[in-house]
Amino acid sequence: MKVKLFDESHEKDLENAINTFLESTKGDIIDIKYQVSIGVFGEEQIYCFSAMVIYCTKE
């Protein structure tokens, strides 16, 4: 069993990164965990979109 972590500042970038990974993975996807965090710096809001893909590779 393996994990792959993703961290992007925009949800579309995260979606593209995960889809690219899933297309290239020849194993079985066990689960995908998704999380959004927000921080405030002055008047600016900073978003962090992250995901963890848990998968098994076929040898």
Protein backbone atom coordinates (compact mmCIF):
# COMPACT_ATOMS: atom_id res chain seq x y z
CA MET A 1 0.00 0.00 0.00
CA LYS A 2 1.25 3.49 -0.89
CA VAL A 3 0.13 7.11 -0.57
CA LYS A 4 0.48 10.11 -2.88
CA LEU A 5 0.03 13.62 -1.46
CA PHE A 6 -1.18 16.65 -3.38
CA ASP A 7 -1.20 20.31 -2.31
CA GLU A 8 -2.45 23.13 -4.55
CA SER A 9 -3.64 26.69 -4.08
CA HIS A 10 -6.57 26.32 -6.49
CA GLU A 11 -9.15 23.50 -6.61
CA LYS A 12 -8.87 23.10 -10.41
CA ASP A 13 -5.10 22.60 -10.10
CA LEU A 14 -5.71 19.90 -7.49
CA GLU A 15 -8.30 18.24 -9.72
CA ASN A 16 -5.90 18.21 -12.69
CA ALA A 17 -3.00 16.85 -10.61
CA ILE A 18 -5.11 14.02 -9.19
CA ASN A 19 -6.62 13.13 -12.57
CA THR A 20 -3.16 13.01 -14.17
CA PHE A 21 -1.93 10.74 -11.37
CA LEU A 22 -4.97 8.44 -11.64
CA GLU A 23 -4.49 8.08 -15.40
CA SER A 24 -0.88 6.98 -14.92
CA THR A 25 -1.49 4.61 -11.99
CA LYS A 26 -1.84 0.95 -12.85
CA GLY A 27 -2.85 -0.09 -9.34
CA ASP A 28 -6.07 -0.09 -7.34
CA ILE A 29 -7.27 3.10 -5.66
CA ILE A 30 -8.23 2.38 -2.04
CA ASP A 31 -9.38 5.83 -0.90
CA ILE A 32 -9.00 9.57 -1.51
CA LYS A 33 -8.97 11.98 1.43
CA TYR A 34 -9.68 15.65 0.66
CA GLN A 35 -9.15 18.76 2.78
CA VAL A 36 -9.44 22.54 2.42
CA SER A 37 -7.64 25.00 4.70
CA ILE A 38 -7.85 28.76 4.79
CA GLY A 39 -5.56 31.31 6.32
CA VAL A 40 -5.89 35.06 6.63
CA PHE A 41 -2.88 37.29 6.07
CA GLY A 42 -3.89 40.92 6.52
CA GLU A 43 -6.86 41.37 4.22
CA GLU A 44 -5.84 38.46 1.98
CA GLN A 45 -7.37 34.97 2.25
CA ILE A 46 -5.06 32.10 1.39
CA TYR A 47 -6.58 28.75 0.44
CA CYS A 48 -4.87 25.37 0.46
CA PHE A 49 -6.54 22.43 -1.30
CA SER A 50 -4.96 19.08 -0.49
CA ALA A 51 -5.63 15.41 -1.02
CA MET A 52 -4.12 12.07 -0.16
CA VAL A 53 -4.60 9.14 -2.52
CA ILE A 54 -4.20 5.70 -0.94
CA TYR A 55 -3.48 3.00 -3.50
CA CYS A 56 -1.90 -0.40 -4.15
CA THR A 57 0.40 -1.04 -7.07
CA LYS A 58 0.19 -4.13 -9.25
CA GLU A 59 3.62 -5.71 -9.54
